[in-house]
């Protein structure tokens, strides 16, 4: 049984809360759920102490209202200045460019992600096909014969791609490559891809004026999260919490 300043958080509420905290293991989900309920209870107790309108139920949907009211009252959250925004812009030029464009064709050797043996075989086949392409084979003809993607009907052409149009593991490797045949197959959740980049058009730098609002919003949210995390840490340090070892620095709620 978890108690927060002598107020109990029953196990059934922790179990019910778990549905809102997906995790790789049941244990991890339970920890996340417990931490969430503990923090909400700390907020509830502090809000009541300040005379704010608060429900007695730690998991009611009205929680967010009193939590926001408490944060507004107790947490000093400075806003990003023009100087802050410009400094961030100048320090991160690569973040403020239009997406580069690629003209790409590929051959997909499809195999389910969970099929380890099939993946190993597909990798060997992909390496062999790359050697064939390096030897001068026609990419389009090979795509029509070997590819499991509907693009095989157009010689493997995926047309023009910008970032965000393909799965991350494919995008990450392809956008980092230079024009021509990629020397190694690209693995994705769908299988192995043989990729030929026909053309690469670099992104265009965006002027500060176009992204100033976006930068301010990002910096303000970053400062807000940090300030709230520090406030939560203070509440935890001043509370008597039993039945749960609250590792503040390692908590996902502190990120």
Protein backbone atom coordinates (compact mmCIF):
# COMPACT_ATOMS: atom_id res chain seq x y z
CA UNK A 1 0.00 0.00 0.00
CA UNK A 2 1.32 3.44 -0.95
CA UNK A 3 0.69 6.38 1.35
CA UNK A 4 1.42 10.04 0.69
CA UNK A 5 1.43 12.10 3.89
CA UNK A 6 -0.84 9.42 5.43
CA UNK A 7 -3.25 9.42 2.47
CA UNK A 8 -3.54 5.96 0.92
CA UNK A 9 -3.30 5.18 -2.80
CA UNK A 10 -4.93 1.74 -3.12
CA UNK A 11 -3.43 -0.91 -5.36
CA UNK A 12 -6.58 -1.08 -7.48
CA UNK A 13 -6.11 2.57 -8.47
CA UNK A 14 -2.52 1.88 -9.48
CA UNK A 15 -3.69 -1.05 -11.59
CA UNK A 16 -6.40 1.07 -13.21
CA UNK A 17 -3.90 3.87 -13.91
CA UNK A 18 -1.52 1.49 -15.71
CA UNK A 19 -3.57 1.66 -18.92
CA UNK A 20 -2.41 5.27 -19.34
CA UNK A 21 1.29 4.41 -19.03
CA UNK A 22 2.32 1.93 -21.73
CA UNK A 23 5.69 0.31 -21.12
CA UNK A 24 7.76 -2.65 -22.22
CA UNK A 25 6.99 -4.57 -19.03
CA UNK A 26 4.09 -4.72 -16.59
CA UNK A 27 6.48 -3.80 -13.76
CA UNK A 28 7.62 -0.65 -15.52
CA UNK A 29 4.02 0.34 -16.29
CA UNK A 30 3.13 -0.15 -12.62
CA UNK A 31 6.01 2.09 -11.52
CA UNK A 32 4.96 4.81 -13.94
CA UNK A 33 1.35 4.58 -12.80
CA UNK A 34 2.35 4.75 -9.13
CA UNK A 35 4.59 7.77 -9.72
CA UNK A 36 1.83 9.55 -11.59
CA UNK A 37 -0.70 8.98 -8.82
CA UNK A 38 1.78 10.03 -6.14
CA UNK A 39 2.53 13.28 -7.92
CA UNK A 40 -1.16 14.02 -8.50
CA UNK A 41 -1.81 13.39 -4.80
CA UNK A 42 1.01 15.74 -3.83
CA UNK A 43 -0.47 18.39 -6.12
CA UNK A 44 -3.93 17.77 -4.65
CA UNK A 45 -2.70 18.14 -1.08
CA UNK A 46 -0.74 21.29 -1.85
CA UNK A 47 -3.66 22.82 -3.75
CA UNK A 48 -6.02 22.13 -0.84
CA UNK A 49 -3.55 23.70 1.56
CA UNK A 50 -3.61 26.86 -0.57
CA UNK A 51 -7.39 26.94 -0.65
CA UNK A 52 -7.79 25.97 -4.30
CA UNK A 53 -10.86 24.05 -5.43
CA UNK A 54 -9.88 20.38 -5.46
CA UNK A 55 -11.67 17.05 -5.87
CA UNK A 56 -11.08 14.45 -3.17
CA UNK A 57 -10.59 11.78 -5.86
CA UNK A 58 -6.98 11.59 -7.06
CA UNK A 59 -7.93 10.18 -10.46
CA UNK A 60 -10.92 12.28 -11.48
CA UNK A 61 -10.81 13.99 -14.86
CA UNK A 62 -10.82 17.41 -13.14
CA UNK A 63 -7.25 16.83 -11.90
CA UNK A 64 -5.75 18.85 -14.73
CA UNK A 65 -7.71 21.98 -13.79
CA UNK A 66 -6.44 22.24 -10.23
CA UNK A 67 -2.94 21.16 -11.26
CA UNK A 68 -2.75 24.01 -13.78
CA UNK A 69 -4.13 26.41 -11.18
CA UNK A 70 -1.49 25.25 -8.69
CA UNK A 71 1.32 25.59 -11.21
CA UNK A 72 0.15 29.07 -12.18
CA UNK A 73 0.14 30.08 -8.52
CA UNK A 74 3.37 28.49 -7.31
CA UNK A 75 5.76 27.95 -10.21
CA UNK A 76 7.70 30.84 -11.70
CA UNK A 77 8.08 30.10 -15.41
CA UNK A 78 10.05 32.77 -17.30
CA UNK A 79 9.39 33.25 -21.01
CA UNK A 80 12.07 33.09 -23.68
CA UNK A 81 13.39 36.48 -24.75
CA UNK A 82 14.18 37.63 -28.26
CA UNK A 83 17.85 37.21 -27.44
CA UNK A 84 17.26 33.62 -26.24
CA UNK A 85 15.45 32.78 -29.47
CA UNK A 86 18.12 34.29 -31.70
CA UNK A 87 20.91 32.53 -29.83
CA UNK A 88 19.13 29.19 -30.24
CA UNK A 89 18.56 29.88 -33.92
CA UNK A 90 22.22 30.71 -34.53
CA UNK A 91 23.45 27.72 -32.53
CA UNK A 92 21.23 25.21 -34.38
CA UNK A 93 21.18 26.16 -38.07
CA UNK A 94 20.55 22.59 -39.26
CA UNK A 95 17.22 22.52 -37.41
CA UNK A 96 15.88 25.42 -39.44
CA UNK A 97 16.06 24.27 -43.01
CA UNK A 98 13.45 22.99 -45.40
CA UNK A 99 13.58 19.23 -45.83
CA UNK A 100 16.03 18.03 -48.46
CA UNK A 101 14.42 16.21 -51.39
CA UNK A 102 15.54 12.86 -52.73
CA UNK A 103 14.63 11.07 -55.92
CA UNK A 104 14.89 7.43 -54.92
CA UNK A 105 14.33 3.99 -56.35
CA UNK A 106 14.57 0.79 -54.36
CA UNK A 107 14.21 -2.96 -54.39
CA UNK A 108 12.48 -4.44 -51.37
CA UNK A 109 13.24 -7.93 -50.15
CA UNK A 110 10.28 -8.27 -47.80
CA UNK A 111 10.51 -10.34 -44.62
CA UNK A 112 8.64 -10.02 -41.30
CA UNK A 113 10.50 -8.27 -38.49
CA UNK A 114 10.16 -11.24 -36.16
CA UNK A 115 11.48 -13.79 -38.70
CA UNK A 116 15.15 -13.94 -37.70
CA UNK A 117 16.05 -16.76 -40.06
CA UNK A 118 14.26 -15.09 -42.95
CA UNK A 119 16.04 -11.83 -42.20
CA UNK A 120 19.42 -13.51 -42.29
CA UNK A 121 18.63 -15.07 -45.66
CA UNK A 122 17.31 -11.77 -47.03
CA UNK A 123 20.49 -9.97 -45.95
CA UNK A 124 22.65 -12.48 -47.84
CA UNK A 125 20.42 -12.12 -50.91
CA UNK A 126 20.51 -8.31 -50.66
CA UNK A 127 24.32 -8.29 -50.53
CA UNK A 128 24.45 -10.53 -53.59
CA UNK A 129 22.07 -8.26 -55.53
CA UNK A 130 24.14 -5.20 -54.65
CA UNK A 131 27.18 -6.95 -56.13
CA UNK A 132 25.14 -7.61 -59.29
CA UNK A 133 24.14 -3.94 -59.49
CA UNK A 134 27.75 -2.84 -58.96
CA UNK A 135 28.62 -5.06 -61.89
CA UNK A 136 26.38 -2.98 -64.14
CA UNK A 137 22.99 -4.71 -63.98
CA UNK A 138 19.94 -2.59 -64.83
CA UNK A 139 18.27 -1.45 -61.59
CA UNK A 140 14.79 -1.20 -63.10
CA UNK A 141 14.85 -4.69 -64.56
CA UNK A 142 16.14 -6.13 -61.29
CA UNK A 143 13.42 -4.29 -59.37
CA UNK A 144 10.70 -5.72 -61.61
CA UNK A 145 12.04 -9.20 -61.01
CA UNK A 146 13.01 -9.09 -57.32
CA UNK A 147 11.15 -6.34 -55.47
CA UNK A 148 8.14 -7.02 -53.23
CA UNK A 149 7.09 -3.36 -53.37
CA UNK A 150 4.39 -2.14 -55.80
CA UNK A 151 6.98 0.38 -57.01
CA UNK A 152 8.56 -2.48 -58.96
CA UNK A 153 6.08 -1.66 -61.75
CA UNK A 154 7.93 1.64 -62.26
CA UNK A 155 11.41 0.18 -61.94
CA UNK A 156 11.49 0.65 -58.17
CA UNK A 157 10.89 4.40 -58.29
CA UNK A 158 9.56 5.98 -55.08
CA UNK A 159 9.47 9.38 -56.72
CA UNK A 160 10.51 12.44 -54.74
CA UNK A 161 10.80 11.99 -50.98
CA UNK A 162 11.02 14.55 -48.20
CA UNK A 163 11.59 13.85 -44.52
CA UNK A 164 8.64 12.37 -42.68
CA UNK A 165 7.31 10.39 -45.64
CA UNK A 166 9.00 7.07 -44.86
CA UNK A 167 9.64 5.03 -41.73
CA UNK A 168 12.39 6.48 -39.48
CA UNK A 169 14.89 3.64 -39.83
CA UNK A 170 14.77 3.93 -43.63
CA UNK A 171 14.77 7.73 -43.67
CA UNK A 172 17.71 8.04 -41.28
CA UNK A 173 20.03 6.06 -43.54
CA UNK A 174 18.81 7.23 -46.93
CA UNK A 175 18.88 10.96 -46.17
CA UNK A 176 22.44 10.64 -44.86
CA UNK A 177 23.62 9.03 -48.10
CA UNK A 178 24.98 10.61 -51.26
CA UNK A 179 23.58 10.13 -54.79
CA UNK A 180 24.18 6.76 -56.39
CA UNK A 181 23.81 3.15 -55.29
CA UNK A 182 24.00 2.77 -51.52
CA UNK A 183 26.82 0.27 -50.90
CA UNK A 184 24.94 -1.70 -48.23
CA UNK A 185 21.31 -2.78 -47.97
CA UNK A 186 19.07 -0.68 -45.74
CA UNK A 187 17.18 -2.66 -43.10
CA UNK A 188 13.70 -1.55 -42.09
CA UNK A 189 10.69 -3.13 -40.41
CA UNK A 190 9.63 -4.34 -43.86
CA UNK A 191 12.82 -6.16 -44.76
CA UNK A 192 15.92 -5.15 -46.73
CA UNK A 193 16.06 -2.39 -49.33
CA UNK A 194 18.53 -1.91 -52.14
CA UNK A 195 18.53 1.84 -52.66
CA UNK A 196 19.64 4.02 -55.55
CA UNK A 197 19.52 7.79 -54.99
CA UNK A 198 19.06 9.44 -58.35
CA UNK A 199 19.09 13.02 -57.14
CA UNK A 200 19.54 14.92 -53.89
CA UNK A 201 18.31 18.50 -53.49
CA UNK A 202 19.65 20.10 -50.27
CA UNK A 203 17.32 21.84 -47.85
CA UNK A 204 16.98 25.62 -47.94
CA UNK A 205 17.91 27.63 -44.80
CA UNK A 206 14.88 29.36 -43.30
CA UNK A 207 15.09 33.00 -42.19
CA UNK A 208 14.79 33.70 -38.48
CA UNK A 209 11.51 35.55 -38.95
CA UNK A 210 9.82 32.40 -40.26
CA UNK A 211 10.77 30.27 -37.25
CA UNK A 212 10.90 32.78 -34.37
CA UNK A 213 7.48 31.74 -33.07
CA UNK A 214 8.36 28.06 -33.28
CA UNK A 215 11.61 28.63 -31.37
CA UNK A 216 9.88 30.67 -28.65
CA UNK A 217 7.25 27.96 -28.22
CA UNK A 218 9.93 25.25 -27.96
CA UNK A 219 12.07 27.18 -25.47
CA UNK A 220 9.08 28.17 -23.35
CA UNK A 221 7.90 24.56 -23.16
CA UNK A 222 11.42 23.40 -22.27
CA UNK A 223 11.68 25.95 -19.45
CA UNK A 224 8.17 25.07 -18.28
CA UNK A 225 8.97 21.37 -18.05
CA UNK A 226 12.17 22.04 -16.12
CA UNK A 227 10.46 24.41 -13.69
CA UNK A 228 7.61 21.98 -13.04
CA UNK A 229 10.07 19.09 -12.57
CA UNK A 230 11.95 21.13 -9.97
CA UNK A 231 8.68 21.98 -8.21
CA UNK A 232 7.69 18.30 -8.13
CA UNK A 233 11.09 17.43 -6.69
CA UNK A 234 10.52 19.93 -3.87
CA UNK A 235 7.08 18.47 -3.12
CA UNK A 236 8.51 14.95 -3.02
CA UNK A 237 11.42 15.93 -0.80
CA UNK A 238 9.05 17.53 1.72
CA UNK A 239 6.51 14.69 1.71
CA UNK A 240 6.29 11.47 3.70
CA UNK A 241 5.88 8.75 1.08
CA UNK A 242 5.62 5.11 2.17
CA UNK A 243 5.36 1.97 0.06
CA UNK A 244 7.27 3.43 -2.86
CA UNK A 245 10.94 4.32 -3.31
CA UNK A 246 10.72 7.51 -5.33
CA UNK A 247 13.94 7.85 -7.32
CA UNK A 248 13.42 11.46 -8.41
CA UNK A 249 16.44 11.83 -10.67
CA UNK A 250 15.62 8.66 -12.60
CA UNK A 251 11.91 9.15 -12.85
CA UNK A 252 10.46 9.50 -16.37
CA UNK A 253 8.25 12.24 -14.93
CA UNK A 254 11.35 14.32 -14.26
CA UNK A 255 12.49 14.39 -17.88
